[in-house]
């Protein structure tokens, strides 16, 4: 009985040579390094993006809060005249890159609000009283997460809408970054000052 040549070849090859094993190991190591490098690069990009989004989200929430609250500035119920802080020429006062205003709440209470940059924090002061509040208060509470973010700049500018109307566009620009100064972001929003007269 004759042995088939293919069977003979299979029967003789019992293992792999040392050279084949070294080549396979080298190829495996290169593949693992390449895959690990791609994974670490992806992780670094994801971390960078997460940190940048954290800053943007903090700024966006702060500006949205200011804008929504400032829409009430000057409201005096059915009194017919806009409320203004003492010495202010407009419903929204913008002294030295801060924002201050007062309004009457539906429950009859008067609220006075001030936003200002102090010690790398955007601080807010909000007082509510039964009678009109005509003076500004000193902001003490941080509007952004002070354990994660630092405020680099808070700029307030005012552009009148016309010579006969006491209305204006207030432009707010807020720049913040992480506490270590990385990922600085700047967002801007506008508030149209309302007249309640």
N, C-alpha and C. Protein backbone atom coordinates (compact mmCIF):
# COMPACT_ATOMS: atom_id res chain seq x y z
N UNK A 1 0.84 -1.16 0.00
CA UNK A 1 0.00 0.00 0.00
C UNK A 1 0.89 1.24 0.00
N UNK A 2 0.62 2.11 -0.94
CA UNK A 2 1.45 3.31 -1.10
C UNK A 2 0.89 4.45 -0.25
N UNK A 3 1.81 5.23 0.33
CA UNK A 3 1.41 6.37 1.16
C UNK A 3 1.31 7.60 0.27
N UNK A 4 0.22 8.30 0.43
CA UNK A 4 -0.02 9.50 -0.38
C UNK A 4 0.99 10.59 0.00
N UNK A 5 1.56 11.34 -1.00
CA UNK A 5 2.60 12.33 -0.68
C UNK A 5 2.12 13.46 0.22
N UNK A 6 0.87 13.87 0.14
CA UNK A 6 0.37 14.95 0.99
C UNK A 6 0.36 14.51 2.45
N UNK A 7 -0.03 13.29 2.69
CA UNK A 7 -0.04 12.75 4.04
C UNK A 7 1.36 12.72 4.63
N UNK A 8 2.34 12.38 3.78
CA UNK A 8 3.73 12.35 4.21
C UNK A 8 4.20 13.73 4.66
N UNK A 9 3.83 14.79 3.92
CA UNK A 9 4.25 16.15 4.28
C UNK A 9 3.63 16.58 5.60
N UNK A 10 2.38 16.27 5.79
CA UNK A 10 1.71 16.65 7.05
C UNK A 10 2.33 15.90 8.22
N UNK A 11 2.66 14.70 7.97
CA UNK A 11 3.19 13.86 9.03
C UNK A 11 4.58 14.33 9.46
N UNK A 12 5.37 14.85 8.54
CA UNK A 12 6.72 15.28 8.84
C UNK A 12 6.72 16.64 9.57
N UNK A 13 5.74 17.53 9.34
CA UNK A 13 5.72 18.87 9.92
C UNK A 13 5.03 18.81 11.29
N UNK A 14 5.82 18.72 12.34
CA UNK A 14 5.29 18.56 13.68
C UNK A 14 5.21 19.87 14.46
N UNK A 15 5.89 20.92 14.10
CA UNK A 15 5.90 22.18 14.84
C UNK A 15 6.37 23.32 13.96
N UNK A 16 6.61 24.48 14.61
CA UNK A 16 7.08 25.63 13.87
C UNK A 16 8.54 25.87 14.25
N UNK A 17 9.24 26.51 13.35
CA UNK A 17 10.64 26.78 13.63
C UNK A 17 10.76 28.01 14.52
N UNK A 18 11.93 28.19 15.10
CA UNK A 18 12.18 29.32 15.97
C UNK A 18 12.07 30.65 15.20
N UNK A 19 12.50 30.67 13.97
CA UNK A 19 12.42 31.87 13.14
C UNK A 19 10.96 32.24 12.90
N UNK A 20 10.12 31.27 12.59
CA UNK A 20 8.70 31.55 12.38
C UNK A 20 8.05 32.08 13.66
N UNK A 21 8.44 31.54 14.78
CA UNK A 21 7.89 31.99 16.06
C UNK A 21 8.31 33.44 16.35
N UNK A 22 9.57 33.80 16.06
CA UNK A 22 10.06 35.16 16.28
C UNK A 22 9.36 36.16 15.37
N UNK A 23 9.16 35.77 14.11
CA UNK A 23 8.48 36.66 13.15
C UNK A 23 7.03 36.88 13.59
N UNK A 24 6.35 35.82 13.99
CA UNK A 24 4.96 35.94 14.45
C UNK A 24 4.88 36.81 15.71
N UNK A 25 5.82 36.64 16.62
CA UNK A 25 5.84 37.46 17.84
C UNK A 25 6.08 38.93 17.52
N UNK A 26 7.00 39.21 16.62
CA UNK A 26 7.30 40.59 16.24
C UNK A 26 6.08 41.25 15.59
N UNK A 27 5.41 40.53 14.72
CA UNK A 27 4.20 41.06 14.07
C UNK A 27 3.11 41.32 15.11
N UNK A 28 2.96 40.43 16.06
CA UNK A 28 1.95 40.59 17.12
C UNK A 28 2.26 41.81 17.98
N UNK A 29 3.52 42.00 18.34
CA UNK A 29 3.91 43.15 19.16
C UNK A 29 3.65 44.45 18.41
N UNK A 30 4.00 44.51 17.15
CA UNK A 30 3.75 45.71 16.35
C UNK A 30 2.26 46.00 16.28
N UNK A 31 1.44 44.96 16.08
CA UNK A 31 -0.01 45.14 16.01
C UNK A 31 -0.56 45.64 17.35
N UNK A 32 -0.09 45.09 18.44
CA UNK A 32 -0.56 45.51 19.77
C UNK A 32 -0.16 46.96 20.04
N UNK A 33 1.06 47.33 19.68
CA UNK A 33 1.51 48.71 19.87
C UNK A 33 0.67 49.67 19.03
N UNK A 34 0.38 49.30 17.78
CA UNK A 34 -0.43 50.16 16.90
C UNK A 34 -1.84 50.33 17.46
N UNK A 35 -2.44 49.23 17.88
CA UNK A 35 -3.80 49.29 18.42
C UNK A 35 -3.82 50.09 19.73
N UNK A 36 -2.82 49.88 20.59
CA UNK A 36 -2.73 50.63 21.84
C UNK A 36 -2.53 52.12 21.60
N UNK A 37 -1.72 52.46 20.61
CA UNK A 37 -1.49 53.86 20.28
C UNK A 37 -2.77 54.53 19.79
N UNK A 38 -3.52 53.85 18.93
CA UNK A 38 -4.79 54.39 18.44
C UNK A 38 -5.77 54.56 19.61
N UNK A 39 -5.82 53.58 20.50
CA UNK A 39 -6.73 53.64 21.65
C UNK A 39 -6.37 54.82 22.57
N UNK A 40 -5.07 54.96 22.89
CA UNK A 40 -4.64 56.05 23.77
C UNK A 40 -4.87 57.41 23.13
N UNK A 41 -4.65 57.49 21.83
CA UNK A 41 -4.89 58.74 21.12
C UNK A 41 -6.38 59.10 21.15
N UNK A 42 -7.23 58.10 20.95
CA UNK A 42 -8.68 58.32 21.02
C UNK A 42 -9.12 58.74 22.42
N UNK A 43 -8.54 58.13 23.44
CA UNK A 43 -8.86 58.48 24.82
C UNK A 43 -8.45 59.92 25.12
N UNK A 44 -7.28 60.32 24.63
CA UNK A 44 -6.80 61.68 24.86
C UNK A 44 -7.71 62.69 24.18
N UNK A 45 -8.11 62.41 22.94
CA UNK A 45 -9.02 63.31 22.23
C UNK A 45 -10.37 63.40 22.93
N UNK A 46 -10.87 62.27 23.42
CA UNK A 46 -12.16 62.26 24.13
C UNK A 46 -12.07 63.08 25.41
N UNK A 47 -10.96 62.96 26.14
CA UNK A 47 -10.77 63.73 27.37
C UNK A 47 -10.70 65.22 27.08
N UNK A 48 -9.95 65.58 26.03
CA UNK A 48 -9.84 66.99 25.63
C UNK A 48 -11.22 67.55 25.27
N UNK A 49 -11.96 66.80 24.52
CA UNK A 49 -13.29 67.25 24.10
C UNK A 49 -14.22 67.39 25.31
N UNK A 50 -14.18 66.45 26.22
CA UNK A 50 -15.01 66.51 27.42
C UNK A 50 -14.69 67.75 28.24
N UNK A 51 -13.40 68.05 28.39
CA UNK A 51 -13.01 69.23 29.17
C UNK A 51 -13.44 70.52 28.49
N UNK A 52 -13.29 70.57 27.16
CA UNK A 52 -13.72 71.76 26.42
C UNK A 52 -15.23 71.94 26.53
N UNK A 53 -15.97 70.85 26.43
CA UNK A 53 -17.43 70.92 26.55
C UNK A 53 -17.87 71.32 27.95
N UNK A 54 -17.12 70.92 28.96
CA UNK A 54 -17.42 71.32 30.33
C UNK A 54 -17.35 72.84 30.47
N UNK A 55 -16.32 73.44 29.88
CA UNK A 55 -16.17 74.90 29.94
C UNK A 55 -17.29 75.58 29.17
N UNK A 56 -17.56 75.09 27.96
CA UNK A 56 -18.61 75.69 27.12
C UNK A 56 -19.97 75.58 27.80
N UNK A 57 -20.26 74.43 28.39
CA UNK A 57 -21.54 74.24 29.07
C UNK A 57 -21.69 75.19 30.26
N UNK A 58 -20.62 75.36 31.04
CA UNK A 58 -20.67 76.28 32.18
C UNK A 58 -20.93 77.71 31.74
N UNK A 59 -20.23 78.15 30.69
CA UNK A 59 -20.43 79.51 30.18
C UNK A 59 -21.84 79.67 29.64
N UNK A 60 -22.28 78.68 28.86
CA UNK A 60 -23.61 78.75 28.24
C UNK A 60 -24.72 78.83 29.29
N UNK A 61 -24.62 78.03 30.33
CA UNK A 61 -25.64 78.06 31.39
C UNK A 61 -25.64 79.40 32.12
N UNK A 62 -24.47 79.95 32.39
CA UNK A 62 -24.38 81.24 33.08
C UNK A 62 -25.00 82.34 32.23
N UNK A 63 -24.66 82.39 30.94
CA UNK A 63 -25.20 83.43 30.06
C UNK A 63 -26.72 83.27 29.88
N UNK A 64 -27.17 82.02 29.79
CA UNK A 64 -28.61 81.79 29.64
C UNK A 64 -29.36 82.27 30.89
N UNK A 65 -28.81 82.00 32.06
CA UNK A 65 -29.44 82.43 33.31
C UNK A 65 -29.53 83.96 33.36
N UNK A 66 -28.41 84.61 33.04
CA UNK A 66 -28.38 86.09 33.06
C UNK A 66 -29.40 86.64 32.08
N UNK A 67 -29.41 86.11 30.86
CA UNK A 67 -30.31 86.62 29.82
C UNK A 67 -31.77 86.45 30.22
N UNK A 68 -32.14 85.28 30.73
CA UNK A 68 -33.53 85.03 31.10
C UNK A 68 -33.96 85.92 32.26
N UNK A 69 -33.07 86.10 33.24
CA UNK A 69 -33.43 86.94 34.39
C UNK A 69 -33.47 88.41 33.99
N UNK A 70 -32.55 88.84 33.14
CA UNK A 70 -32.48 90.25 32.75
C UNK A 70 -33.69 90.68 31.91
N UNK A 71 -34.43 89.75 31.34
CA UNK A 71 -35.64 90.09 30.59
C UNK A 71 -36.69 90.73 31.50
N UNK A 72 -36.58 90.50 32.81
CA UNK A 72 -37.52 91.08 33.78
C UNK A 72 -37.10 92.47 34.24
N UNK A 73 -35.89 92.87 33.89
CA UNK A 73 -35.34 94.13 34.40
C UNK A 73 -36.29 95.30 34.14
N UNK A 74 -36.56 96.05 35.21
CA UNK A 74 -37.40 97.23 35.10
C UNK A 74 -38.88 96.99 35.28
N UNK A 75 -39.33 95.73 35.31
CA UNK A 75 -40.76 95.44 35.44
C UNK A 75 -41.28 95.97 36.77
N UNK A 76 -42.39 96.71 36.72
CA UNK A 76 -42.95 97.35 37.92
C UNK A 76 -44.43 97.03 38.07
N UNK A 77 -44.82 95.87 37.62
CA UNK A 77 -46.23 95.49 37.73
C UNK A 77 -47.10 96.40 36.91
N UNK A 78 -48.17 96.88 37.49
CA UNK A 78 -49.10 97.77 36.78
C UNK A 78 -48.83 99.23 37.07
N UNK A 79 -47.66 99.55 37.61
CA UNK A 79 -47.34 100.93 37.99
C UNK A 79 -47.12 101.84 36.78
N UNK A 80 -46.82 101.28 35.62
CA UNK A 80 -46.70 102.08 34.40
C UNK A 80 -45.32 102.65 34.15
N UNK A 81 -44.42 102.67 35.10
CA UNK A 81 -43.07 103.20 34.89
C UNK A 81 -42.06 102.10 35.19
N UNK A 82 -40.99 102.10 34.43
CA UNK A 82 -39.94 101.10 34.66
C UNK A 82 -39.19 101.39 35.95
N UNK A 83 -38.84 100.31 36.65
CA UNK A 83 -38.01 100.45 37.86
C UNK A 83 -36.56 100.61 37.45
N UNK A 84 -35.87 101.51 38.12
CA UNK A 84 -34.43 101.69 37.87
C UNK A 84 -33.72 101.82 39.20
N UNK A 85 -32.47 101.38 39.21
CA UNK A 85 -31.64 101.54 40.40
C UNK A 85 -31.32 103.01 40.61
N UNK A 86 -31.03 103.38 41.82
CA UNK A 86 -30.71 104.77 42.14
C UNK A 86 -29.48 105.22 41.35
N UNK A 87 -29.62 106.35 40.65
CA UNK A 87 -28.52 106.90 39.87
C UNK A 87 -28.36 106.31 38.49
N UNK A 88 -29.13 105.27 38.17
CA UNK A 88 -29.02 104.63 36.85
C UNK A 88 -29.79 105.45 35.82
N UNK A 89 -29.28 105.46 34.61
CA UNK A 89 -29.96 106.17 33.52
C UNK A 89 -30.76 105.21 32.65
N UNK A 90 -30.54 103.91 32.81
CA UNK A 90 -31.25 102.89 32.05
C UNK A 90 -31.79 101.81 32.98
N UNK A 91 -32.69 101.03 32.46
CA UNK A 91 -33.28 99.93 33.23
C UNK A 91 -32.20 98.95 33.66
N UNK A 92 -31.29 98.63 32.73
CA UNK A 92 -30.15 97.77 33.05
C UNK A 92 -28.92 98.66 33.16
N UNK A 93 -28.32 98.66 34.33
CA UNK A 93 -27.14 99.48 34.58
C UNK A 93 -25.90 98.63 34.29
N UNK A 94 -24.92 99.22 33.59
CA UNK A 94 -23.72 98.47 33.21
C UNK A 94 -22.44 99.17 33.66
N UNK A 95 -22.28 99.46 34.96
CA UNK A 95 -21.04 100.12 35.39
C UNK A 95 -19.87 99.16 35.44
N UNK A 96 -18.73 99.60 34.95
CA UNK A 96 -17.45 98.86 35.00
C UNK A 96 -17.60 97.35 34.80
N UNK A 97 -18.07 96.98 33.64
CA UNK A 97 -18.23 95.57 33.24
C UNK A 97 -18.98 94.74 34.27
N UNK A 98 -20.06 95.30 34.75
CA UNK A 98 -20.97 94.54 35.59
C UNK A 98 -22.38 94.79 35.07
N UNK A 99 -23.32 94.10 35.63
CA UNK A 99 -24.71 94.21 35.18
C UNK A 99 -25.58 94.29 36.42
N UNK A 100 -26.45 95.29 36.50
CA UNK A 100 -27.31 95.44 37.67
C UNK A 100 -28.68 95.95 37.24
N UNK A 101 -29.72 95.45 37.89
CA UNK A 101 -31.09 95.86 37.58
C UNK A 101 -32.00 95.46 38.72
N UNK A 102 -33.23 95.93 38.65
CA UNK A 102 -34.24 95.58 39.65
C UNK A 102 -35.56 95.33 38.94
N UNK A 103 -36.44 94.56 39.56
CA UNK A 103 -37.77 94.29 39.00
C UNK A 103 -38.71 93.82 40.10
N UNK A 104 -39.99 93.92 39.80
CA UNK A 104 -41.02 93.48 40.74
C UNK A 104 -41.49 92.09 40.33
N UNK A 105 -41.52 91.18 41.30
CA UNK A 105 -41.95 89.80 41.03
C UNK A 105 -43.47 89.71 41.10
N UNK A 106 -44.05 88.66 40.53
CA UNK A 106 -45.51 88.50 40.56
C UNK A 106 -46.10 88.48 41.97
N UNK A 107 -45.31 88.05 42.96
CA UNK A 107 -45.82 88.01 44.34
C UNK A 107 -45.75 89.37 45.03
N UNK A 108 -45.33 90.42 44.30
CA UNK A 108 -45.27 91.77 44.87
C UNK A 108 -43.94 92.13 45.48
N UNK A 109 -43.02 91.17 45.60
CA UNK A 109 -41.70 91.42 46.15
C UNK A 109 -40.81 92.08 45.08
N UNK A 110 -39.86 92.89 45.52
CA UNK A 110 -38.93 93.55 44.61
C UNK A 110 -37.57 92.84 44.69
N UNK A 111 -37.01 92.55 43.52
CA UNK A 111 -35.73 91.87 43.46
C UNK A 111 -34.71 92.76 42.79
N UNK A 112 -33.53 92.80 43.36
CA UNK A 112 -32.41 93.53 42.78
C UNK A 112 -31.29 92.53 42.52
N UNK A 113 -30.72 92.55 41.31
CA UNK A 113 -29.71 91.58 40.89
C UNK A 113 -28.47 92.31 40.38
N UNK A 114 -27.31 91.80 40.75
CA UNK A 114 -26.05 92.32 40.24
C UNK A 114 -25.15 91.14 39.86
N UNK A 115 -24.52 91.23 38.69
CA UNK A 115 -23.52 90.27 38.23
C UNK A 115 -22.22 91.03 38.04
N UNK A 116 -21.10 90.50 38.55
CA UNK A 116 -19.81 91.17 38.39
C UNK A 116 -18.68 90.15 38.46
N UNK A 117 -17.58 90.48 37.78
CA UNK A 117 -16.37 89.66 37.83
C UNK A 117 -15.57 90.07 39.05
N UNK A 118 -15.25 89.08 39.91
CA UNK A 118 -14.49 89.34 41.11
C UNK A 118 -13.66 88.11 41.45
N UNK A 119 -12.36 88.28 41.57
CA UNK A 119 -11.46 87.20 41.96
C UNK A 119 -11.59 85.98 41.03
N UNK A 120 -11.59 86.23 39.73
CA UNK A 120 -11.70 85.19 38.69
C UNK A 120 -12.98 84.36 38.82
N UNK A 121 -14.03 84.98 39.34
CA UNK A 121 -15.34 84.34 39.45
C UNK A 121 -16.40 85.31 38.96
N UNK A 122 -17.41 84.80 38.28
CA UNK A 122 -18.56 85.61 37.91
C UNK A 122 -19.53 85.47 39.08
N UNK A 123 -19.66 86.54 39.85
CA UNK A 123 -20.46 86.47 41.07
C UNK A 123 -21.81 87.14 40.88
N UNK A 124 -22.77 86.66 41.66
CA UNK A 124 -24.14 87.18 41.61
C UNK A 124 -24.57 87.59 43.01
N UNK A 125 -25.34 88.65 43.05
CA UNK A 125 -26.01 89.07 44.28
C UNK A 125 -27.48 89.24 43.93
N UNK A 126 -28.34 88.66 44.72
CA UNK A 126 -29.78 88.79 44.49
C UNK A 126 -30.47 89.06 45.82
N UNK A 127 -31.06 90.24 45.93
CA UNK A 127 -31.79 90.61 47.15
C UNK A 127 -33.27 90.76 46.81
N UNK A 128 -34.12 90.29 47.70
CA UNK A 128 -35.56 90.45 47.52
C UNK A 128 -36.12 91.11 48.78
N UNK A 129 -36.90 92.17 48.57
CA UNK A 129 -37.49 92.92 49.68
C UNK A 129 -38.94 93.25 49.34
N UNK A 130 -39.68 93.69 50.36
CA UNK A 130 -41.08 94.06 50.16
C UNK A 130 -41.23 95.44 49.53
N UNK A 131 -40.20 96.28 49.66
CA UNK A 131 -40.25 97.62 49.06
C UNK A 131 -39.19 97.71 47.97
N UNK A 132 -39.33 98.67 47.05
CA UNK A 132 -38.36 98.77 45.95
C UNK A 132 -36.93 98.93 46.45
N UNK A 133 -36.03 98.22 45.80
CA UNK A 133 -34.61 98.28 46.13
C UNK A 133 -33.96 99.17 45.08
N UNK A 134 -33.30 100.18 45.52
CA UNK A 134 -32.77 101.15 44.57
C UNK A 134 -31.25 101.18 44.50
N UNK A 135 -30.57 100.43 45.35
CA UNK A 135 -29.11 100.43 45.32
C UNK A 135 -28.59 99.06 44.90
N UNK A 136 -27.38 99.03 44.40
CA UNK A 136 -26.79 97.75 43.99
C UNK A 136 -26.29 96.99 45.21
N UNK A 137 -26.20 95.70 45.07
CA UNK A 137 -25.65 94.88 46.15
C UNK A 137 -24.30 94.32 45.70
N UNK A 138 -23.52 93.85 46.64
CA UNK A 138 -22.20 93.31 46.34
C UNK A 138 -22.30 91.81 46.07
N UNK A 139 -21.94 91.38 44.86
CA UNK A 139 -22.03 89.95 44.54
C UNK A 139 -21.10 89.11 45.40
N UNK A 140 -21.60 87.99 45.88
CA UNK A 140 -20.80 87.11 46.72
C UNK A 140 -20.79 85.65 46.24
N UNK A 141 -21.82 85.21 45.58
CA UNK A 141 -21.95 83.81 45.19
C UNK A 141 -21.51 83.63 43.74
N UNK A 142 -20.70 82.60 43.48
CA UNK A 142 -20.20 82.34 42.13
C UNK A 142 -21.30 81.70 41.27
N UNK A 143 -21.41 82.18 40.04
CA UNK A 143 -22.43 81.66 39.13
C UNK A 143 -21.95 80.40 38.42
N UNK A 144 -20.64 80.25 38.24
CA UNK A 144 -20.06 79.06 37.64
C UNK A 144 -19.44 78.19 38.73
N UNK A 145 -19.21 76.92 38.41
CA UNK A 145 -18.61 76.00 39.36
C UNK A 145 -17.17 76.43 39.66
N UNK A 146 -16.94 77.05 40.80
CA UNK A 146 -15.63 77.60 41.14
C UNK A 146 -14.60 76.52 41.46
N UNK A 147 -15.03 75.27 41.62
CA UNK A 147 -14.09 74.17 41.87
C UNK A 147 -13.54 73.59 40.58
N UNK A 148 -14.13 73.96 39.44
CA UNK A 148 -13.69 73.43 38.16
C UNK A 148 -13.32 74.51 37.15
N UNK A 149 -13.97 75.68 37.24
CA UNK A 149 -13.79 76.71 36.23
C UNK A 149 -13.33 78.03 36.83
N UNK A 150 -12.57 78.77 36.04
CA UNK A 150 -12.16 80.11 36.41
C UNK A 150 -12.59 81.07 35.31
N UNK A 151 -13.04 82.24 35.69
CA UNK A 151 -13.50 83.22 34.72
C UNK A 151 -12.34 84.15 34.37
N UNK A 152 -12.02 84.22 33.10
CA UNK A 152 -10.90 85.04 32.64
C UNK A 152 -11.35 86.45 32.28
N UNK A 153 -12.59 86.59 31.78
CA UNK A 153 -13.08 87.92 31.40
C UNK A 153 -14.60 87.92 31.38
N UNK A 154 -15.18 89.05 31.78
CA UNK A 154 -16.62 89.28 31.69
C UNK A 154 -16.78 90.72 31.22
N UNK A 155 -17.19 90.87 29.96
CA UNK A 155 -17.32 92.19 29.37
C UNK A 155 -18.78 92.49 29.06
N UNK A 156 -19.18 93.70 29.42
CA UNK A 156 -20.54 94.17 29.19
C UNK A 156 -20.46 95.46 28.38
N UNK A 157 -21.17 95.49 27.25
CA UNK A 157 -21.23 96.73 26.48
C UNK A 157 -22.68 97.02 26.13
N UNK A 158 -22.95 98.29 25.92
CA UNK A 158 -24.32 98.74 25.69
C UNK A 158 -24.38 99.55 24.41
N UNK A 159 -25.37 99.27 23.57
CA UNK A 159 -25.57 100.03 22.33
C UNK A 159 -27.00 100.52 22.30
N UNK A 160 -27.23 101.83 22.36
CA UNK A 160 -28.60 102.36 22.31
C UNK A 160 -29.28 102.01 21.00
N UNK A 161 -30.60 101.80 21.06
CA UNK A 161 -31.36 101.45 19.86
C UNK A 161 -31.80 102.67 19.06
N UNK A 162 -31.71 103.83 19.63
CA UNK A 162 -32.11 105.05 18.94
C UNK A 162 -32.05 106.23 19.88
N UNK A 163 -32.13 107.43 19.33
CA UNK A 163 -32.01 108.63 20.16
C UNK A 163 -33.30 108.95 20.91
N UNK A 164 -34.44 108.48 20.41
CA UNK A 164 -35.71 108.82 21.06
C UNK A 164 -36.22 107.71 21.95
N UNK A 165 -35.60 106.54 21.89
CA UNK A 165 -36.07 105.40 22.68
C UNK A 165 -35.01 105.07 23.73
N UNK A 166 -35.44 104.86 24.96
CA UNK A 166 -34.48 104.55 26.02
C UNK A 166 -34.25 103.05 26.12
N UNK A 167 -34.18 102.39 24.99
CA UNK A 167 -33.94 100.97 24.94
C UNK A 167 -32.54 100.73 24.38
N UNK A 168 -31.97 99.56 24.67
CA UNK A 168 -30.61 99.28 24.22
C UNK A 168 -30.38 97.78 24.08
N UNK A 169 -29.34 97.44 23.31
CA UNK A 169 -28.84 96.08 23.26
C UNK A 169 -27.66 96.00 24.21
N UNK A 170 -27.72 95.06 25.13
CA UNK A 170 -26.61 94.82 26.05
C UNK A 170 -25.90 93.57 25.53
N UNK A 171 -24.61 93.68 25.26
CA UNK A 171 -23.82 92.54 24.80
C UNK A 171 -22.97 92.04 25.94
N UNK A 172 -23.10 90.75 26.24
CA UNK A 172 -22.31 90.11 27.30
C UNK A 172 -21.33 89.15 26.66
N UNK A 173 -20.08 89.22 27.06
CA UNK A 173 -19.05 88.31 26.58
C UNK A 173 -18.37 87.69 27.80
N UNK A 174 -18.36 86.37 27.85
CA UNK A 174 -17.82 85.66 29.01
C UNK A 174 -16.75 84.69 28.53
N UNK A 175 -15.55 84.80 29.12
CA UNK A 175 -14.44 83.90 28.82
C UNK A 175 -14.08 83.14 30.08
N UNK A 176 -14.02 81.82 29.96
CA UNK A 176 -13.68 80.97 31.11
C UNK A 176 -12.78 79.83 30.64
N UNK A 177 -12.13 79.20 31.61
CA UNK A 177 -11.27 78.06 31.33
C UNK A 177 -11.28 77.13 32.54
N UNK A 178 -10.60 76.01 32.41
CA UNK A 178 -10.45 75.13 33.57
C UNK A 178 -9.52 75.82 34.58
N UNK A 179 -9.49 75.32 35.80
CA UNK A 179 -8.70 75.96 36.84
C UNK A 179 -7.21 76.06 36.49
N UNK A 180 -6.71 75.11 35.70
CA UNK A 180 -5.29 75.15 35.32
C UNK A 180 -5.04 76.06 34.12
N UNK A 181 -6.09 76.76 33.65
CA UNK A 181 -5.93 77.70 32.54
C UNK A 181 -6.08 77.09 31.16
N UNK A 182 -6.31 75.80 31.09
CA UNK A 182 -6.45 75.15 29.78
C UNK A 182 -7.89 75.26 29.27
N UNK A 183 -8.04 75.06 27.99
CA UNK A 183 -9.33 75.05 27.30
C UNK A 183 -10.12 76.35 27.46
N UNK A 184 -9.50 77.51 27.26
CA UNK A 184 -10.27 78.76 27.36
C UNK A 184 -11.31 78.84 26.25
N UNK A 185 -12.50 79.29 26.60
CA UNK A 185 -13.60 79.43 25.65
C UNK A 185 -14.29 80.77 25.90
N UNK A 186 -14.79 81.37 24.85
CA UNK A 186 -15.51 82.64 24.95
C UNK A 186 -16.85 82.50 24.25
N UNK A 187 -17.91 82.91 24.93
CA UNK A 187 -19.24 82.95 24.33
C UNK A 187 -19.82 84.34 24.54
N UNK A 188 -20.69 84.74 23.61
CA UNK A 188 -21.30 86.06 23.66
C UNK A 188 -22.80 85.92 23.48
N UNK A 189 -23.54 86.79 24.15
CA UNK A 189 -24.98 86.84 23.96
C UNK A 189 -25.43 88.29 24.04
N UNK A 190 -26.64 88.55 23.54
CA UNK A 190 -27.19 89.90 23.59
C UNK A 190 -28.53 89.89 24.32
N UNK A 191 -28.77 90.97 25.04
CA UNK A 191 -30.02 91.17 25.76
C UNK A 191 -30.63 92.46 25.24
N UNK A 192 -31.88 92.41 24.87
CA UNK A 192 -32.57 93.65 24.49
C UNK A 192 -33.23 94.20 25.74
N UNK A 193 -32.77 95.38 26.13
CA UNK A 193 -33.35 96.05 27.30
C UNK A 193 -34.77 96.46 27.00
N UNK A 194 -35.68 96.06 27.85
CA UNK A 194 -37.11 96.37 27.63
C UNK A 194 -37.51 97.62 28.38
N UNK A 195 -38.45 98.31 27.81
CA UNK A 195 -39.07 99.46 28.48
C UNK A 195 -40.47 99.06 28.93
N UNK A 196 -40.75 99.26 30.20
CA UNK A 196 -42.06 98.87 30.73
C UNK A 196 -42.99 100.05 30.85
N UNK A 197 -42.64 101.17 30.22
CA UNK A 197 -43.48 102.39 30.30
C UNK A 197 -44.69 102.25 29.41
